[in-house]
Amino acid sequence: MKIAISIPDSVFREVKKLAEEQKRSRSEVIVEAIEEFLRDLESRRLIEALNKAYAAPETEEEREARSAALELYARTILAKEKEEW
């Protein structure tokens, strides 16, 4: 898809220089930059969501579930590893 955008002259010169150095088109350089920006934005959104999810204190139900999971792990995995030694 073709679009028309306005960018500062200094940015255009940098993109043009980079494209020439890498023997690529300006479009390829710009698309790669936009894709990297979008990946970075998605990563930041994910980190923000995780920080928000883990910012809340653990509920009693979550503590009990974690405790039960640790007990199950100890009974199954750790016991099996002990037998193998």
PDB file of N, CA and C in Angstrom:
ATOM      1  N   MET A   1       0.844  -1.164   0.000  1.00  0.00           N
ATOM      2  CA  MET A   1       0.000   0.000   0.000  1.00  0.00           C
ATOM      3  C   MET A   1       0.893   1.231   0.000  1.00  0.00           C
ATOM      4  N   LYS A   2       0.550   2.192  -0.775  1.00  0.00           N
ATOM      5  CA  LYS A   2       1.295   3.438  -0.820  1.00  0.00           C
ATOM      6  C   LYS A   2       0.566   4.489  -0.006  1.00  0.00           C
ATOM      7  N   ILE A   3       1.356   5.274   0.726  1.00  0.00           N
ATOM      8  CA  ILE A   3       0.797   6.395   1.479  1.00  0.00           C
ATOM      9  C   ILE A   3       1.732   7.585   1.324  1.00  0.00           C
ATOM     10  N   ALA A   4       1.227   8.746   1.587  1.00  0.00           N
ATOM     11  CA  ALA A   4       2.050   9.954   1.588  1.00  0.00           C
ATOM     12  C   ALA A   4       2.147  10.442   3.023  1.00  0.00           C
ATOM     13  N   ILE A   5       3.371  10.685   3.480  1.00  0.00           N
ATOM     14  CA  ILE A   5       3.578  11.191   4.832  1.00  0.00           C
ATOM     15  C   ILE A   5       4.543  12.362   4.771  1.00  0.00           C
ATOM     16  N   SER A   6       4.495  13.187   5.767  1.00  0.00           N
ATOM     17  CA  SER A   6       5.435  14.302   5.891  1.00  0.00           C
ATOM     18  C   SER A   6       6.388  13.990   7.031  1.00  0.00           C
ATOM     19  N   ILE A   7       7.687  14.105   6.746  1.00  0.00           N
ATOM     20  CA  ILE A   7       8.702  13.900   7.784  1.00  0.00           C
ATOM     21  C   ILE A   7       9.696  15.052   7.711  1.00  0.00           C
ATOM     22  N   PRO A   8      10.342  15.357   8.809  1.00  0.00           N
ATOM     23  CA  PRO A   8      11.336  16.427   8.791  1.00  0.00           C
ATOM     24  C   PRO A   8      12.467  16.105   7.803  1.00  0.00           C
ATOM     25  N   ASP A   9      13.031  17.142   7.213  1.00  0.00           N
ATOM     26  CA  ASP A   9      14.119  16.956   6.249  1.00  0.00           C
ATOM     27  C   ASP A   9      15.283  16.179   6.842  1.00  0.00           C
ATOM     28  N   SER A  10      15.601  16.460   8.100  1.00  0.00           N
ATOM     29  CA  SER A  10      16.737  15.778   8.733  1.00  0.00           C
ATOM     30  C   SER A  10      16.494  14.269   8.832  1.00  0.00           C
ATOM     31  N   VAL A  11      15.272  13.879   9.130  1.00  0.00           N
ATOM     32  CA  VAL A  11      14.932  12.453   9.211  1.00  0.00           C
ATOM     33  C   VAL A  11      15.010  11.834   7.818  1.00  0.00           C
ATOM     34  N   PHE A  12      14.490  12.536   6.838  1.00  0.00           N
ATOM     35  CA  PHE A  12      14.551  12.040   5.464  1.00  0.00           C
ATOM     36  C   PHE A  12      15.995  11.805   5.035  1.00  0.00           C
ATOM     37  N   ARG A  13      16.874  12.773   5.331  1.00  0.00           N
ATOM     38  CA  ARG A  13      18.289  12.619   4.960  1.00  0.00           C
ATOM     39  C   ARG A  13      18.911  11.402   5.630  1.00  0.00           C
ATOM     40  N   GLU A  14      18.588  11.172   6.902  1.00  0.00           N
ATOM     41  CA  GLU A  14      19.125  10.013   7.634  1.00  0.00           C
ATOM     42  C   GLU A  14      18.623   8.703   7.026  1.00  0.00           C
ATOM     43  N   VAL A  15      17.346   8.665   6.712  1.00  0.00           N
ATOM     44  CA  VAL A  15      16.764   7.460   6.107  1.00  0.00           C
ATOM     45  C   VAL A  15      17.398   7.203   4.744  1.00  0.00           C
ATOM     46  N   LYS A  16      17.525   8.253   3.948  1.00  0.00           N
ATOM     47  CA  LYS A  16      18.124   8.126   2.622  1.00  0.00           C
ATOM     48  C   LYS A  16      19.562   7.631   2.716  1.00  0.00           C
ATOM     49  N   LYS A  17      20.334   8.209   3.634  1.00  0.00           N
ATOM     50  CA  LYS A  17      21.735   7.805   3.835  1.00  0.00           C
ATOM     51  C   LYS A  17      21.820   6.340   4.252  1.00  0.00           C
ATOM     52  N   LEU A  18      20.996   5.945   5.203  1.00  0.00           N
ATOM     53  CA  LEU A  18      20.990   4.556   5.676  1.00  0.00           C
ATOM     54  C   LEU A  18      20.605   3.594   4.562  1.00  0.00           C
ATOM     55  N   ALA A  19      19.600   3.951   3.804  1.00  0.00           N
ATOM     56  CA  ALA A  19      19.140   3.107   2.687  1.00  0.00           C
ATOM     57  C   ALA A  19      20.263   2.917   1.667  1.00  0.00           C
ATOM     58  N   GLU A  20      20.959   3.993   1.346  1.00  0.00           N
ATOM     59  CA  GLU A  20      22.065   3.897   0.384  1.00  0.00           C
ATOM     60  C   GLU A  20      23.194   3.020   0.925  1.00  0.00           C
ATOM     61  N   GLU A  21      23.526   3.202   2.197  1.00  0.00           N
ATOM     62  CA  GLU A  21      24.598   2.397   2.821  1.00  0.00           C
ATOM     63  C   GLU A  21      24.261   0.911   2.799  1.00  0.00           C
ATOM     64  N   GLN A  22      23.004   0.594   3.038  1.00  0.00           N
ATOM     65  CA  GLN A  22      22.583  -0.808   3.126  1.00  0.00           C
ATOM     66  C   GLN A  22      22.051  -1.344   1.797  1.00  0.00           C
ATOM     67  N   LYS A  23      22.111  -0.506   0.762  1.00  0.00           N
ATOM     68  CA  LYS A  23      21.612  -0.903  -0.562  1.00  0.00           C
ATOM     69  C   LYS A  23      20.174  -1.421  -0.472  1.00  0.00           C
ATOM     70  N   ARG A  24      19.353  -0.624   0.207  1.00  0.00           N
ATOM     71  CA  ARG A  24      17.941  -0.934   0.374  1.00  0.00           C
ATOM     72  C   ARG A  24      17.137   0.284  -0.033  1.00  0.00           C
ATOM     73  N   SER A  25      15.865   0.094  -0.200  1.00  0.00           N
ATOM     74  CA  SER A  25      15.012   1.232  -0.522  1.00  0.00           C
ATOM     75  C   SER A  25      14.669   1.999   0.763  1.00  0.00           C
ATOM     76  N   ARG A  26      14.303   3.265   0.582  1.00  0.00           N
ATOM     77  CA  ARG A  26      13.866   4.053   1.734  1.00  0.00           C
ATOM     78  C   ARG A  26      12.633   3.409   2.362  1.00  0.00           C
ATOM     79  N   SER A  27      11.760   2.877   1.513  1.00  0.00           N
ATOM     80  CA  SER A  27      10.543   2.232   2.029  1.00  0.00           C
ATOM     81  C   SER A  27      10.887   1.066   2.949  1.00  0.00           C
ATOM     82  N   GLU A  28      11.871   0.263   2.559  1.00  0.00           N
ATOM     83  CA  GLU A  28      12.263  -0.873   3.397  1.00  0.00           C
ATOM     84  C   GLU A  28      12.775  -0.399   4.754  1.00  0.00           C
ATOM     85  N   VAL A  29      13.584   0.648   4.748  1.00  0.00           N
ATOM     86  CA  VAL A  29      14.123   1.182   6.003  1.00  0.00           C
ATOM     87  C   VAL A  29      12.996   1.702   6.892  1.00  0.00           C
ATOM     88  N   ILE A  30      12.070   2.435   6.294  1.00  0.00           N
ATOM     89  CA  ILE A  30      10.959   2.998   7.069  1.00  0.00           C
ATOM     90  C   ILE A  30      10.041   1.909   7.599  1.00  0.00           C
ATOM     91  N   VAL A  31       9.741   0.909   6.769  1.00  0.00           N
ATOM     92  CA  VAL A  31       8.881  -0.196   7.218  1.00  0.00           C
ATOM     93  C   VAL A  31       9.532  -0.932   8.375  1.00  0.00           C
ATOM     94  N   GLU A  32      10.830  -1.204   8.267  1.00  0.00           N
ATOM     95  CA  GLU A  32      11.534  -1.894   9.355  1.00  0.00           C
ATOM     96  C   GLU A  32      11.480  -1.077  10.641  1.00  0.00           C
ATOM     97  N   ALA A  33      11.646   0.228  10.536  1.00  0.00           N
ATOM     98  CA  ALA A  33      11.590   1.094  11.716  1.00  0.00           C
ATOM     99  C   ALA A  33      10.204   1.066  12.350  1.00  0.00           C
ATOM    100  N   ILE A  34       9.177   1.116  11.520  1.00  0.00           N
ATOM    101  CA  ILE A  34       7.807   1.089  12.042  1.00  0.00           C
ATOM    102  C   ILE A  34       7.514  -0.258  12.702  1.00  0.00           C
ATOM    103  N   GLU A  35       7.945  -1.354  12.069  1.00  0.00           N
ATOM    104  CA  GLU A  35       7.725  -2.684  12.661  1.00  0.00           C
ATOM    105  C   GLU A  35       8.417  -2.798  14.009  1.00  0.00           C
ATOM    106  N   GLU A  36       9.635  -2.283  14.101  1.00  0.00           N
ATOM    107  CA  GLU A  36      10.352  -2.323  15.384  1.00  0.00           C
ATOM    108  C   GLU A  36       9.637  -1.477  16.432  1.00  0.00           C
ATOM    109  N   PHE A  37       9.153  -0.324  16.028  1.00  0.00           N
ATOM    110  CA  PHE A  37       8.396   0.532  16.942  1.00  0.00           C
ATOM    111  C   PHE A  37       7.152  -0.188  17.456  1.00  0.00           C
ATOM    112  N   LEU A  38       6.430  -0.855  16.558  1.00  0.00           N
ATOM    113  CA  LEU A  38       5.209  -1.565  16.957  1.00  0.00           C
ATOM    114  C   LEU A  38       5.518  -2.732  17.893  1.00  0.00           C
ATOM    115  N   ARG A  39       6.605  -3.466  17.628  1.00  0.00           N
ATOM    116  CA  ARG A  39       7.007  -4.555  18.537  1.00  0.00           C
ATOM    117  C   ARG A  39       7.360  -4.001  19.913  1.00  0.00           C
ATOM    118  N   ASP A  40       8.093  -2.902  19.934  1.00  0.00           N
ATOM    119  CA  ASP A  40       8.472  -2.281  21.198  1.00  0.00           C
ATOM    120  C   ASP A  40       7.237  -1.804  21.956  1.00  0.00           C
ATOM    121  N   LEU A  41       6.295  -1.201  21.247  1.00  0.00           N
ATOM    122  CA  LEU A  41       5.060  -0.737  21.869  1.00  0.00           C
ATOM    123  C   LEU A  41       4.283  -1.901  22.470  1.00  0.00           C
ATOM    124  N   GLU A  42       4.181  -3.009  21.737  1.00  0.00           N
ATOM    125  CA  GLU A  42       3.472  -4.188  22.248  1.00  0.00           C
ATOM    126  C   GLU A  42       4.170  -4.752  23.484  1.00  0.00           C
ATOM    127  N   SER A  43       5.487  -4.773  23.461  1.00  0.00           N
ATOM    128  CA  SER A  43       6.243  -5.248  24.631  1.00  0.00           C
ATOM    129  C   SER A  43       5.974  -4.370  25.846  1.00  0.00           C
ATOM    130  N   ARG A  44       5.984  -3.048  25.637  1.00  0.00           N
ATOM    131  CA  ARG A  44       5.717  -2.143  26.754  1.00  0.00           C
ATOM    132  C   ARG A  44       4.305  -2.331  27.290  1.00  0.00           C
ATOM    133  N   ARG A  45       3.338  -2.544  26.384  1.00  0.00           N
ATOM    134  CA  ARG A  45       1.958  -2.775  26.830  1.00  0.00           C
ATOM    135  C   ARG A  45       1.854  -4.061  27.642  1.00  0.00           C
ATOM    136  N   LEU A  46       2.551  -5.096  27.199  1.00  0.00           N
ATOM    137  CA  LEU A  46       2.535  -6.364  27.922  1.00  0.00           C
ATOM    138  C   LEU A  46       3.165  -6.208  29.301  1.00  0.00           C
ATOM    139  N   ILE A  47       4.287  -5.514  29.364  1.00  0.00           N
ATOM    140  CA  ILE A  47       4.949  -5.294  30.654  1.00  0.00           C
ATOM    141  C   ILE A  47       4.050  -4.496  31.588  1.00  0.00           C
ATOM    142  N   GLU A  48       3.382  -3.470  31.057  1.00  0.00           N
ATOM    143  CA  GLU A  48       2.460  -2.688  31.878  1.00  0.00           C
ATOM    144  C   GLU A  48       1.317  -3.552  32.404  1.00  0.00           C
ATOM    145  N   ALA A  49       0.790  -4.432  31.552  1.00  0.00           N
ATOM    146  CA  ALA A  49      -0.304  -5.314  31.980  1.00  0.00           C
ATOM    147  C   ALA A  49       0.178  -6.278  33.059  1.00  0.00           C
ATOM    148  N   LEU A  50       1.382  -6.822  32.882  1.00  0.00           N
ATOM    149  CA  LEU A  50       1.930  -7.737  33.894  1.00  0.00           C
ATOM    150  C   LEU A  50       2.185  -7.001  35.206  1.00  0.00           C
ATOM    151  N   ASN A  51       2.756  -5.808  35.117  1.00  0.00           N
ATOM    152  CA  ASN A  51       3.001  -5.027  36.336  1.00  0.00           C
ATOM    153  C   ASN A  51       1.700  -4.727  37.064  1.00  0.00           C
ATOM    154  N   LYS A  52       0.667  -4.405  36.297  1.00  0.00           N
ATOM    155  CA  LYS A  52      -0.636  -4.122  36.909  1.00  0.00           C
ATOM    156  C   LYS A  52      -1.207  -5.381  37.569  1.00  0.00           C
ATOM    157  N   ALA A  53      -1.073  -6.514  36.881  1.00  0.00           N
ATOM    158  CA  ALA A  53      -1.610  -7.772  37.421  1.00  0.00           C
ATOM    159  C   ALA A  53      -0.882  -8.197  38.693  1.00  0.00           C
ATOM    160  N   TYR A  54       0.433  -7.988  38.721  1.00  0.00           N
ATOM    161  CA  TYR A  54       1.210  -8.421  39.882  1.00  0.00           C
ATOM    162  C   TYR A  54       1.325  -7.350  40.962  1.00  0.00           C
ATOM    163  N   ALA A  55       0.784  -6.167  40.718  1.00  0.00           N
ATOM    164  CA  ALA A  55       0.847  -5.096  41.707  1.00  0.00           C
ATOM    165  C   ALA A  55      -0.125  -5.351  42.859  1.00  0.00           C
ATOM    166  N   ALA A  56      -1.203  -6.036  42.563  1.00  0.00           N
ATOM    167  CA  ALA A  56      -2.206  -6.317  43.596  1.00  0.00           C
ATOM    168  C   ALA A  56      -1.674  -7.388  44.545  1.00  0.00           C
ATOM    169  N   PRO A  57      -1.957  -7.247  45.831  1.00  0.00           N
ATOM    170  CA  PRO A  57      -1.514  -8.264  46.786  1.00  0.00           C
ATOM    171  C   PRO A  57      -2.183  -9.613  46.499  1.00  0.00           C
ATOM    172  N   GLU A  58      -1.469 -10.658  46.821  1.00  0.00           N
ATOM    173  CA  GLU A  58      -1.971 -12.011  46.612  1.00  0.00           C
ATOM    174  C   GLU A  58      -3.169 -12.266  47.533  1.00  0.00           C
ATOM    175  N   THR A  59      -4.228 -12.838  46.963  1.00  0.00           N
ATOM    176  CA  THR A  59      -5.411 -13.152  47.773  1.00  0.00           C
ATOM    177  C   THR A  59      -5.165 -14.444  48.541  1.00  0.00           C
ATOM    178  N   GLU A  60      -6.028 -14.686  49.498  1.00  0.00           N
ATOM    179  CA  GLU A  60      -5.926 -15.922  50.286  1.00  0.00           C
ATOM    180  C   GLU A  60      -6.091 -17.134  49.369  1.00  0.00           C
ATOM    181  N   GLU A  61      -7.015 -17.041  48.438  1.00  0.00           N
ATOM    182  CA  GLU A  61      -7.256 -18.134  47.488  1.00  0.00           C
ATOM    183  C   GLU A  61      -5.993 -18.404  46.648  1.00  0.00           C
ATOM    184  N   GLU A  62      -5.330 -17.347  46.215  1.00  0.00           N
ATOM    185  CA  GLU A  62      -4.099 -17.511  45.433  1.00  0.00           C
ATOM    186  C   GLU A  62      -2.984 -18.114  46.274  1.00  0.00           C
ATOM    187  N   ARG A  63      -2.882 -17.689  47.531  1.00  0.00           N
ATOM    188  CA  ARG A  63      -1.866 -18.272  48.432  1.00  0.00           C
ATOM    189  C   ARG A  63      -2.108 -19.763  48.639  1.00  0.00           C
ATOM    190  N   GLU A  64      -3.356 -20.132  48.828  1.00  0.00           N
ATOM    191  CA  GLU A  64      -3.691 -21.548  49.027  1.00  0.00           C
ATOM    192  C   GLU A  64      -3.388 -22.358  47.763  1.00  0.00           C
ATOM    193  N   ALA A  65      -3.713 -21.809  46.604  1.00  0.00           N
ATOM    194  CA  ALA A  65      -3.443 -22.511  45.343  1.00  0.00           C
ATOM    195  C   ALA A  65      -1.937 -22.679  45.142  1.00  0.00           C
ATOM    196  N   ARG A  66      -1.155 -21.624  45.427  1.00  0.00           N
ATOM    197  CA  ARG A  66       0.298 -21.710  45.288  1.00  0.00           C
ATOM    198  C   ARG A  66       0.870 -22.738  46.255  1.00  0.00           C
ATOM    199  N   SER A  67       0.370 -22.747  47.472  1.00  0.00           N
ATOM    200  CA  SER A  67       0.832 -23.693  48.478  1.00  0.00           C
ATOM    201  C   SER A  67       0.516 -25.123  48.058  1.00  0.00           C
ATOM    202  N   ALA A  68      -0.687 -25.343  47.549  1.00  0.00           N
ATOM    203  CA  ALA A  68      -1.081 -26.680  47.089  1.00  0.00           C
ATOM    204  C   ALA A  68      -0.215 -27.116  45.908  1.00  0.00           C
ATOM    205  N   ALA A  69       0.083 -26.216  45.021  1.00  0.00           N
ATOM    206  CA  ALA A  69       0.924 -26.548  43.866  1.00  0.00           C
ATOM    207  C   ALA A  69       2.334 -26.911  44.314  1.00  0.00           C
ATOM    208  N   LEU A  70       2.868 -26.191  45.283  1.00  0.00           N
ATOM    209  CA  LEU A  70       4.207 -26.497  45.795  1.00  0.00           C
ATOM    210  C   LEU A  70       4.236 -27.863  46.489  1.00  0.00           C
ATOM    211  N   GLU A  71       3.188 -28.165  47.232  1.00  0.00           N
ATOM    212  CA  GLU A  71       3.106 -29.471  47.891  1.00  0.00           C
ATOM    213  C   GLU A  71       3.037 -30.595  46.867  1.00  0.00           C
ATOM    214  N   LEU A  72       2.240 -30.417  45.830  1.00  0.00           N
ATOM    215  CA  LEU A  72       2.139 -31.413  44.772  1.00  0.00           C
ATOM    216  C   LEU A  72       3.490 -31.593  44.085  1.00  0.00           C
ATOM    217  N   TYR A  73       4.162 -30.498  43.809  1.00  0.00           N
ATOM    218  CA  TYR A  73       5.489 -30.545  43.188  1.00  0.00           C
ATOM    219  C   TYR A  73       6.458 -31.326  44.073  1.00  0.00           C
ATOM    220  N   ALA A  74       6.434 -31.049  45.357  1.00  0.00           N
ATOM    221  CA  ALA A  74       7.334 -31.735  46.283  1.00  0.00           C
ATOM    222  C   ALA A  74       7.051 -33.236  46.322  1.00  0.00           C
ATOM    223  N   ARG A  75       5.768 -33.592  46.309  1.00  0.00           N
ATOM    224  CA  ARG A  75       5.401 -35.010  46.380  1.00  0.00           C
ATOM    225  C   ARG A  75       5.721 -35.756  45.100  1.00  0.00           C
ATOM    226  N   THR A  76       5.593 -35.130  43.967  1.00  0.00           N
ATOM    227  CA  THR A  76       5.762 -35.842  42.701  1.00  0.00           C
ATOM    228  C   THR A  76       7.149 -35.664  42.113  1.00  0.00           C
ATOM    229  N   ILE A  77       7.500 -34.492  41.734  1.00  0.00           N
ATOM    230  CA  ILE A  77       8.762 -34.246  41.037  1.00  0.00           C
ATOM    231  C   ILE A  77       9.961 -34.449  41.954  1.00  0.00           C
ATOM    232  N   LEU A  78       9.953 -33.800  43.101  1.00  0.00           N
ATOM    233  CA  LEU A  78      11.111 -33.901  43.990  1.00  0.00           C
ATOM    234  C   LEU A  78      11.282 -35.324  44.515  1.00  0.00           C
ATOM    235  N   ALA A  79      10.182 -35.999  44.795  1.00  0.00           N
ATOM    236  CA  ALA A  79      10.269 -37.383  45.266  1.00  0.00           C
ATOM    237  C   ALA A  79      10.854 -38.275  44.182  1.00  0.00           C
ATOM    238  N   LYS A  80      10.448 -38.077  42.951  1.00  0.00           N
ATOM    239  CA  LYS A  80      10.961 -38.861  41.830  1.00  0.00           C
ATOM    240  C   LYS A  80      12.461 -38.608  41.654  1.00  0.00           C
ATOM    241  N   GLU A  81      12.884 -37.351  41.771  1.00  0.00           N
ATOM    242  CA  GLU A  81      14.304 -37.021  41.630  1.00  0.00           C
ATOM    243  C   GLU A  81      15.106 -37.669  42.750  1.00  0.00           C
ATOM    244  N   LYS A  82      14.554 -37.732  43.956  1.00  0.00           N
ATOM    245  CA  LYS A  82      15.228 -38.362  45.082  1.00  0.00           C
ATOM    246  C   LYS A  82      15.437 -39.850  44.844  1.00  0.00           C
ATOM    247  N   GLU A  83      14.413 -40.488  44.254  1.00  0.00           N
ATOM    248  CA  GLU A  83      14.502 -41.915  43.941  1.00  0.00           C
ATOM    249  C   GLU A  83      15.594 -42.190  42.916  1.00  0.00           C
ATOM    250  N   GLU A  84      15.768 -41.273  41.983  1.00  0.00           N
ATOM    251  CA  GLU A  84      16.759 -41.463  40.929  1.00  0.00           C
ATOM    252  C   GLU A  84      18.174 -41.324  41.440  1.00  0.00           C
ATOM    253  N   TRP A  85      18.376 -40.622  42.524  1.00  0.00           N
ATOM    254  CA  TRP A  85      19.717 -40.465  43.094  1.00  0.00           C
ATOM    255  C   TRP A  85      20.087 -41.719  43.778  1.00  0.00           C
TER     256      TRP A  85
END
